[in-house]
Amino acid sequence: MFKHILVATDGSELADKAVSKAIDLATEHQAELTAFTVVQRQARSYMEGSLNRQAEELDRIENERAEHARTMLEGVEARARACGVRVNSEMVRSSRVADSIVAAAGKHGSDLIVMATHGRTGLASAFLGSQTAHVLAHSEVPVLVLR
């Protein structure tokens, strides 16, 4: 049924459940898997919501996050390969996480996106926004949301 699954992960314990489910589905359907993560770009100006930090400090923070993301994606790839799944990974730097996930699904020809949600409601959801809700609203392919 599925030929290519994109799993969005941030390395959290909750996202790890989505990774496990995506690997299971890829195994069951003999589908290819793309592990995808977004390193959030640091705001660079006051208009972007930046704190008063030097560019070098912002670069250091982003680079540390990118290195952590690479290590996390290598772990996902190893888990998938151990199950016999064809897997690749991609990391992008962006301030628009949900848009990046939707774009990656299109780029890779995915026919399913697997991701987790923290299930925030009320004010927490209003203040933090919901990446998952945005993906659900804008994706042209089915999205499996795990909570």
N, C-alpha and C. Protein backbone atom coordinates (compact mmCIF):
# COMPACT_ATOMS: atom_id res chain seq x y z
N MET A 1 0.82 -1.19 0.00
CA MET A 1 0.00 0.00 0.00
C MET A 1 0.87 1.26 0.00
N PHE A 2 1.86 1.33 0.89
CA PHE A 2 2.76 2.49 0.93
C PHE A 2 4.07 2.12 0.25
N LYS A 3 4.60 3.09 -0.53
CA LYS A 3 5.87 2.87 -1.20
C LYS A 3 6.98 3.71 -0.58
N HIS A 4 6.62 4.88 -0.06
CA HIS A 4 7.61 5.75 0.55
C HIS A 4 7.00 6.47 1.75
N ILE A 5 7.61 6.28 2.91
CA ILE A 5 7.13 6.87 4.16
C ILE A 5 8.14 7.90 4.64
N LEU A 6 7.65 9.06 5.00
CA LEU A 6 8.49 10.08 5.61
C LEU A 6 8.15 10.15 7.08
N VAL A 7 9.14 9.99 7.93
CA VAL A 7 8.91 10.12 9.36
C VAL A 7 9.61 11.38 9.85
N ALA A 8 8.83 12.27 10.45
CA ALA A 8 9.36 13.52 10.99
C ALA A 8 9.71 13.28 12.45
N THR A 9 10.94 13.62 12.81
CA THR A 9 11.38 13.38 14.18
C THR A 9 12.22 14.54 14.68
N ASP A 10 12.13 14.79 15.97
CA ASP A 10 12.98 15.79 16.60
C ASP A 10 13.90 15.13 17.64
N GLY A 11 13.88 13.80 17.67
CA GLY A 11 14.73 13.08 18.60
C GLY A 11 14.14 12.92 19.99
N SER A 12 12.95 13.43 20.22
CA SER A 12 12.33 13.32 21.53
C SER A 12 11.80 11.90 21.76
N GLU A 13 11.50 11.60 23.00
CA GLU A 13 10.95 10.29 23.34
C GLU A 13 9.62 10.05 22.61
N LEU A 14 8.81 11.08 22.53
CA LEU A 14 7.54 10.97 21.83
C LEU A 14 7.75 10.72 20.34
N ALA A 15 8.66 11.45 19.73
CA ALA A 15 8.95 11.26 18.30
C ALA A 15 9.52 9.87 18.05
N ASP A 16 10.19 9.30 19.03
CA ASP A 16 10.75 7.96 18.88
C ASP A 16 9.65 6.93 18.65
N LYS A 17 8.47 7.15 19.23
CA LYS A 17 7.34 6.26 18.99
C LYS A 17 6.93 6.33 17.52
N ALA A 18 6.96 7.54 16.95
CA ALA A 18 6.63 7.70 15.53
C ALA A 18 7.67 7.00 14.67
N VAL A 19 8.93 7.10 15.04
CA VAL A 19 9.99 6.41 14.29
C VAL A 19 9.77 4.91 14.32
N SER A 20 9.47 4.36 15.49
CA SER A 20 9.23 2.92 15.60
C SER A 20 8.06 2.48 14.73
N LYS A 21 6.98 3.25 14.77
CA LYS A 21 5.80 2.92 13.96
C LYS A 21 6.12 3.02 12.48
N ALA A 22 6.87 4.04 12.08
CA ALA A 22 7.23 4.20 10.68
C ALA A 22 8.10 3.04 10.20
N ILE A 23 9.03 2.60 11.03
CA ILE A 23 9.87 1.45 10.67
C ILE A 23 9.01 0.20 10.53
N ASP A 24 8.07 0.00 11.45
CA ASP A 24 7.16 -1.14 11.37
C ASP A 24 6.35 -1.11 10.07
N LEU A 25 5.81 0.06 9.74
CA LEU A 25 5.02 0.18 8.51
C LEU A 25 5.88 -0.04 7.27
N ALA A 26 7.08 0.52 7.27
CA ALA A 26 7.98 0.34 6.13
C ALA A 26 8.34 -1.14 5.96
N THR A 27 8.55 -1.83 7.07
CA THR A 27 8.84 -3.26 7.01
C THR A 27 7.65 -4.02 6.45
N GLU A 28 6.47 -3.74 6.98
CA GLU A 28 5.25 -4.43 6.57
C GLU A 28 4.93 -4.21 5.08
N HIS A 29 5.15 -3.00 4.59
CA HIS A 29 4.77 -2.66 3.22
C HIS A 29 5.96 -2.69 2.25
N GLN A 30 7.13 -3.08 2.76
CA GLN A 30 8.35 -3.08 1.96
C GLN A 30 8.56 -1.71 1.31
N ALA A 31 8.34 -0.69 2.10
CA ALA A 31 8.43 0.70 1.63
C ALA A 31 9.79 1.29 1.98
N GLU A 32 10.16 2.30 1.23
CA GLU A 32 11.36 3.07 1.56
C GLU A 32 10.99 4.06 2.66
N LEU A 33 11.96 4.41 3.49
CA LEU A 33 11.73 5.31 4.61
C LEU A 33 12.70 6.48 4.53
N THR A 34 12.18 7.67 4.74
CA THR A 34 13.03 8.85 4.91
C THR A 34 12.82 9.38 6.31
N ALA A 35 13.91 9.44 7.06
CA ALA A 35 13.88 10.07 8.39
C ALA A 35 14.21 11.54 8.17
N PHE A 36 13.35 12.40 8.68
CA PHE A 36 13.46 13.83 8.39
C PHE A 36 13.43 14.64 9.67
N THR A 37 14.30 15.63 9.75
CA THR A 37 14.29 16.52 10.90
C THR A 37 14.60 17.94 10.47
N VAL A 38 14.14 18.87 11.26
CA VAL A 38 14.36 20.29 11.00
C VAL A 38 15.14 20.87 12.17
N VAL A 39 16.26 21.48 11.86
CA VAL A 39 16.99 22.25 12.86
C VAL A 39 16.44 23.67 12.75
N GLN A 40 15.80 24.09 13.83
CA GLN A 40 15.18 25.42 13.78
C GLN A 40 16.23 26.51 13.70
N ARG A 41 16.05 27.35 12.71
CA ARG A 41 16.94 28.47 12.49
C ARG A 41 16.76 29.50 13.60
N GLN A 42 17.85 30.01 14.08
CA GLN A 42 17.81 31.03 15.13
C GLN A 42 17.44 32.38 14.53
N ALA A 43 16.56 33.10 15.19
CA ALA A 43 16.20 34.45 14.76
C ALA A 43 17.45 35.31 14.74
N ARG A 44 17.62 36.09 13.67
CA ARG A 44 18.85 36.88 13.49
C ARG A 44 18.65 38.37 13.72
N SER A 45 17.41 38.80 13.79
CA SER A 45 17.17 40.23 13.98
C SER A 45 16.06 40.44 14.99
N TYR A 46 15.95 41.65 15.45
CA TYR A 46 14.89 42.00 16.39
C TYR A 46 13.52 41.73 15.77
N MET A 47 13.38 41.99 14.47
CA MET A 47 12.11 41.80 13.78
C MET A 47 11.74 40.31 13.71
N GLU A 48 12.73 39.44 13.77
CA GLU A 48 12.47 37.99 13.75
C GLU A 48 12.29 37.45 15.16
N GLY A 49 12.40 38.30 16.16
CA GLY A 49 12.24 37.85 17.54
C GLY A 49 13.55 37.49 18.21
N SER A 50 14.64 37.99 17.69
CA SER A 50 15.96 37.65 18.23
C SER A 50 16.20 38.32 19.57
N LEU A 51 16.88 37.59 20.42
CA LEU A 51 17.41 38.19 21.63
C LEU A 51 18.70 38.89 21.24
N ASN A 52 19.25 39.64 22.12
CA ASN A 52 20.47 40.37 21.81
C ASN A 52 21.67 39.43 21.89
N ARG A 53 21.92 38.69 20.81
CA ARG A 53 23.04 37.75 20.76
C ARG A 53 23.88 38.03 19.52
N GLN A 54 25.14 37.73 19.63
CA GLN A 54 26.06 37.91 18.51
C GLN A 54 25.84 36.80 17.48
N ALA A 55 26.14 37.12 16.24
CA ALA A 55 25.98 36.15 15.15
C ALA A 55 26.78 34.88 15.40
N GLU A 56 27.97 35.02 15.97
CA GLU A 56 28.81 33.85 16.24
C GLU A 56 28.15 32.91 17.24
N GLU A 57 27.50 33.49 18.24
CA GLU A 57 26.80 32.68 19.24
C GLU A 57 25.61 31.96 18.62
N LEU A 58 24.87 32.64 17.75
CA LEU A 58 23.74 32.02 17.07
C LEU A 58 24.21 30.89 16.15
N ASP A 59 25.30 31.11 15.45
CA ASP A 59 25.88 30.07 14.59
C ASP A 59 26.29 28.86 15.42
N ARG A 60 26.91 29.10 16.57
CA ARG A 60 27.34 28.00 17.44
C ARG A 60 26.15 27.17 17.89
N ILE A 61 25.08 27.84 18.29
CA ILE A 61 23.87 27.14 18.75
C ILE A 61 23.29 26.29 17.62
N GLU A 62 23.15 26.88 16.44
CA GLU A 62 22.60 26.13 15.30
C GLU A 62 23.48 24.94 14.93
N ASN A 63 24.79 25.15 14.95
CA ASN A 63 25.70 24.05 14.60
C ASN A 63 25.65 22.92 15.61
N GLU A 64 25.51 23.24 16.88
CA GLU A 64 25.36 22.21 17.91
C GLU A 64 24.07 21.42 17.69
N ARG A 65 22.99 22.11 17.38
CA ARG A 65 21.72 21.44 17.11
C ARG A 65 21.82 20.57 15.86
N ALA A 66 22.51 21.06 14.85
CA ALA A 66 22.67 20.28 13.62
C ALA A 66 23.47 19.02 13.87
N GLU A 67 24.51 19.11 14.67
CA GLU A 67 25.32 17.92 14.98
C GLU A 67 24.48 16.90 15.76
N HIS A 68 23.70 17.37 16.70
CA HIS A 68 22.80 16.48 17.45
C HIS A 68 21.80 15.83 16.50
N ALA A 69 21.26 16.60 15.57
CA ALA A 69 20.29 16.07 14.60
C ALA A 69 20.93 15.01 13.71
N ARG A 70 22.16 15.25 13.25
CA ARG A 70 22.86 14.25 12.41
C ARG A 70 23.03 12.93 13.17
N THR A 71 23.45 13.02 14.42
CA THR A 71 23.63 11.83 15.24
C THR A 71 22.31 11.09 15.42
N MET A 72 21.25 11.84 15.68
CA MET A 72 19.93 11.24 15.86
C MET A 72 19.48 10.54 14.58
N LEU A 73 19.66 11.18 13.43
CA LEU A 73 19.26 10.58 12.16
C LEU A 73 20.08 9.32 11.84
N GLU A 74 21.34 9.32 12.19
CA GLU A 74 22.17 8.12 12.00
C GLU A 74 21.61 6.96 12.82
N GLY A 75 21.12 7.25 14.02
CA GLY A 75 20.52 6.22 14.85
C GLY A 75 19.24 5.67 14.24
N VAL A 76 18.42 6.55 13.67
CA VAL A 76 17.19 6.10 13.01
C VAL A 76 17.55 5.22 11.81
N GLU A 77 18.53 5.65 11.03
CA GLU A 77 18.95 4.86 9.88
C GLU A 77 19.43 3.47 10.30
N ALA A 78 20.21 3.40 11.36
CA ALA A 78 20.71 2.11 11.84
C ALA A 78 19.57 1.20 12.27
N ARG A 79 18.59 1.76 12.99
CA ARG A 79 17.44 0.96 13.43
C ARG A 79 16.66 0.42 12.23
N ALA A 80 16.44 1.26 11.24
CA ALA A 80 15.68 0.85 10.06
C ALA A 80 16.43 -0.22 9.27
N ARG A 81 17.72 -0.01 9.07
CA ARG A 81 18.53 -0.99 8.32
C ARG A 81 18.55 -2.34 9.03
N ALA A 82 18.57 -2.31 10.36
CA ALA A 82 18.56 -3.56 11.13
C ALA A 82 17.28 -4.34 10.89
N CYS A 83 16.22 -3.65 10.47
CA CYS A 83 14.94 -4.30 10.16
C CYS A 83 14.79 -4.60 8.67
N GLY A 84 15.84 -4.32 7.91
CA GLY A 84 15.81 -4.58 6.48
C GLY A 84 15.11 -3.52 5.66
N VAL A 85 14.95 -2.33 6.21
CA VAL A 85 14.25 -1.24 5.54
C VAL A 85 15.25 -0.39 4.76
N ARG A 86 14.90 -0.06 3.52
CA ARG A 86 15.69 0.91 2.74
C ARG A 86 15.42 2.27 3.34
N VAL A 87 16.46 2.96 3.72
CA VAL A 87 16.29 4.21 4.46
C VAL A 87 17.29 5.26 4.02
N ASN A 88 16.86 6.50 4.06
CA ASN A 88 17.74 7.64 3.91
C ASN A 88 17.28 8.68 4.91
N SER A 89 18.05 9.72 5.04
CA SER A 89 17.66 10.76 5.98
C SER A 89 17.97 12.12 5.39
N GLU A 90 17.28 13.11 5.95
CA GLU A 90 17.50 14.48 5.52
C GLU A 90 17.29 15.41 6.71
N MET A 91 18.18 16.40 6.78
CA MET A 91 18.07 17.44 7.78
C MET A 91 18.07 18.78 7.05
N VAL A 92 17.16 19.66 7.43
CA VAL A 92 17.16 21.01 6.89
C VAL A 92 17.18 22.01 8.03
N ARG A 93 17.64 23.20 7.72
CA ARG A 93 17.60 24.30 8.68
C ARG A 93 16.52 25.26 8.22
N SER A 94 15.57 25.51 9.10
CA SER A 94 14.46 26.38 8.72
C SER A 94 13.76 26.88 9.97
N SER A 95 13.11 28.01 9.85
CA SER A 95 12.27 28.49 10.94
C SER A 95 10.82 28.05 10.73
N ARG A 96 10.55 27.37 9.62
CA ARG A 96 9.20 26.93 9.29
C ARG A 96 9.17 25.38 9.27
N VAL A 97 9.04 24.80 10.43
CA VAL A 97 9.14 23.36 10.60
C VAL A 97 8.07 22.61 9.81
N ALA A 98 6.82 22.96 10.02
CA ALA A 98 5.73 22.23 9.36
C ALA A 98 5.80 22.35 7.85
N ASP A 99 6.09 23.54 7.35
CA ASP A 99 6.23 23.72 5.90
C ASP A 99 7.36 22.87 5.36
N SER A 100 8.43 22.74 6.12
CA SER A 100 9.57 21.92 5.70
C SER A 100 9.18 20.45 5.62
N ILE A 101 8.37 19.99 6.55
CA ILE A 101 7.92 18.59 6.53
C ILE A 101 7.06 18.33 5.30
N VAL A 102 6.12 19.21 5.04
CA VAL A 102 5.25 19.05 3.87
C VAL A 102 6.07 19.08 2.58
N ALA A 103 7.02 20.01 2.50
CA ALA A 103 7.87 20.11 1.31
C ALA A 103 8.71 18.84 1.13
N ALA A 104 9.24 18.31 2.23
CA ALA A 104 10.06 17.10 2.14
C ALA A 104 9.23 15.92 1.64
N ALA A 105 8.00 15.82 2.09
CA ALA A 105 7.13 14.72 1.62
C ALA A 105 6.94 14.80 0.12
N GLY A 106 6.75 16.01 -0.41
CA GLY A 106 6.62 16.18 -1.84
C GLY A 106 7.91 15.88 -2.57
N LYS A 107 9.01 16.36 -2.05
CA LYS A 107 10.33 16.16 -2.66
C LYS A 107 10.68 14.68 -2.79
N HIS A 108 10.35 13.91 -1.76
CA HIS A 108 10.71 12.49 -1.73
C HIS A 108 9.62 11.59 -2.32
N GLY A 109 8.52 12.18 -2.75
CA GLY A 109 7.43 11.37 -3.32
C GLY A 109 6.78 10.48 -2.28
N SER A 110 6.71 10.96 -1.06
CA SER A 110 6.13 10.17 0.04
C SER A 110 4.63 10.01 -0.14
N ASP A 111 4.14 8.85 0.24
CA ASP A 111 2.70 8.64 0.22
C ASP A 111 2.13 8.51 1.63
N LEU A 112 2.98 8.76 2.64
CA LEU A 112 2.54 8.80 4.03
C LEU A 112 3.57 9.59 4.84
N ILE A 113 3.06 10.46 5.71
CA ILE A 113 3.89 11.15 6.70
C ILE A 113 3.53 10.58 8.06
N VAL A 114 4.53 10.21 8.83
CA VAL A 114 4.31 9.72 10.19
C VAL A 114 4.98 10.72 11.13
N MET A 115 4.22 11.17 12.12
CA MET A 115 4.77 12.11 13.10
C MET A 115 4.01 12.00 14.42
N ALA A 116 4.58 12.58 15.43
CA ALA A 116 3.96 12.56 16.75
C ALA A 116 3.44 13.95 17.09
N THR A 117 2.55 14.00 18.04
CA THR A 117 2.08 15.28 18.56
C THR A 117 2.13 15.22 20.08
N HIS A 118 2.39 16.38 20.65
CA HIS A 118 2.40 16.47 22.11
C HIS A 118 1.00 16.58 22.67
N GLY A 119 0.03 16.85 21.80
CA GLY A 119 -1.36 16.92 22.23
C GLY A 119 -1.68 18.09 23.10
N ARG A 120 -0.95 19.19 22.92
CA ARG A 120 -1.26 20.38 23.72
C ARG A 120 -2.61 20.95 23.29
N THR A 121 -3.32 21.46 24.27
CA THR A 121 -4.62 22.07 23.99
C THR A 121 -4.70 23.43 24.66
N GLY A 122 -5.76 24.13 24.40
CA GLY A 122 -6.02 25.40 25.08
C GLY A 122 -4.94 26.43 24.83
N LEU A 123 -4.56 27.14 25.89
CA LEU A 123 -3.58 28.22 25.75
C LEU A 123 -2.23 27.72 25.30
N ALA A 124 -1.81 26.56 25.76
CA ALA A 124 -0.51 26.03 25.33
C ALA A 124 -0.48 25.86 23.83
N SER A 125 -1.55 25.36 23.25
CA SER A 125 -1.62 25.18 21.81
C SER A 125 -1.66 26.54 21.10
N ALA A 126 -2.39 27.47 21.65
CA ALA A 126 -2.51 28.79 21.04
C ALA A 126 -1.17 29.52 21.04
N PHE A 127 -0.44 29.44 22.15
CA PHE A 127 0.85 30.14 22.23
C PHE A 127 1.94 29.42 21.46
N LEU A 128 1.98 28.11 21.54
CA LEU A 128 3.06 27.36 20.91
C LEU A 128 2.76 27.01 19.47
N GLY A 129 1.49 27.02 19.10
CA GLY A 129 1.13 26.59 17.76
C GLY A 129 1.24 25.09 17.67
N SER A 130 0.80 24.54 16.59
CA SER A 130 0.89 23.10 16.43
C SER A 130 1.47 22.77 15.07
N GLN A 131 2.68 22.27 15.08
CA GLN A 131 3.32 21.85 13.84
C GLN A 131 2.48 20.74 13.20
N THR A 132 1.99 19.83 14.02
CA THR A 132 1.20 18.71 13.50
C THR A 132 -0.08 19.20 12.83
N ALA A 133 -0.77 20.13 13.47
CA ALA A 133 -2.00 20.67 12.88
C ALA A 133 -1.71 21.34 11.54
N HIS A 134 -0.60 22.03 11.46
CA HIS A 134 -0.22 22.70 10.21
C HIS A 134 0.06 21.66 9.12
N VAL A 135 0.78 20.61 9.47
CA VAL A 135 1.06 19.55 8.49
C VAL A 135 -0.25 18.91 8.04
N LEU A 136 -1.13 18.61 8.98
CA LEU A 136 -2.42 18.01 8.64
C LEU A 136 -3.21 18.90 7.68
N ALA A 137 -3.18 20.19 7.91
CA ALA A 137 -3.95 21.12 7.09
C ALA A 137 -3.36 21.32 5.71
N HIS A 138 -2.05 21.16 5.56
CA HIS A 138 -1.41 21.51 4.30
C HIS A 138 -0.84 20.33 3.51
N SER A 139 -0.82 19.16 4.09
CA SER A 139 -0.26 18.00 3.40
C SER A 139 -1.22 17.48 2.33
N GLU A 140 -0.65 17.07 1.23
CA GLU A 140 -1.45 16.46 0.17
C GLU A 140 -1.45 14.94 0.27
N VAL A 141 -0.69 14.42 1.23
CA VAL A 141 -0.66 12.96 1.45
C VAL A 141 -1.17 12.68 2.85
N PRO A 142 -1.61 11.45 3.11
CA PRO A 142 -2.09 11.10 4.45
C PRO A 142 -1.01 11.31 5.51
N VAL A 143 -1.47 11.66 6.70
CA VAL A 143 -0.58 11.88 7.84
C VAL A 143 -1.05 10.99 8.97
N LEU A 144 -0.16 10.15 9.47
CA LEU A 144 -0.44 9.31 10.63
C LEU A 144 0.14 10.02 11.84
N VAL A 145 -0.74 10.42 12.76
CA VAL A 145 -0.31 11.16 13.95
C VAL A 145 -0.37 10.24 15.15
N LEU A 146 0.74 10.15 15.85
CA LEU A 146 0.81 9.33 17.06
C LEU A 146 0.91 10.25 18.27
N ARG A 147 0.24 9.87 19.31
CA ARG A 147 0.22 10.69 20.52
C ARG A 147 0.84 9.96 21.66
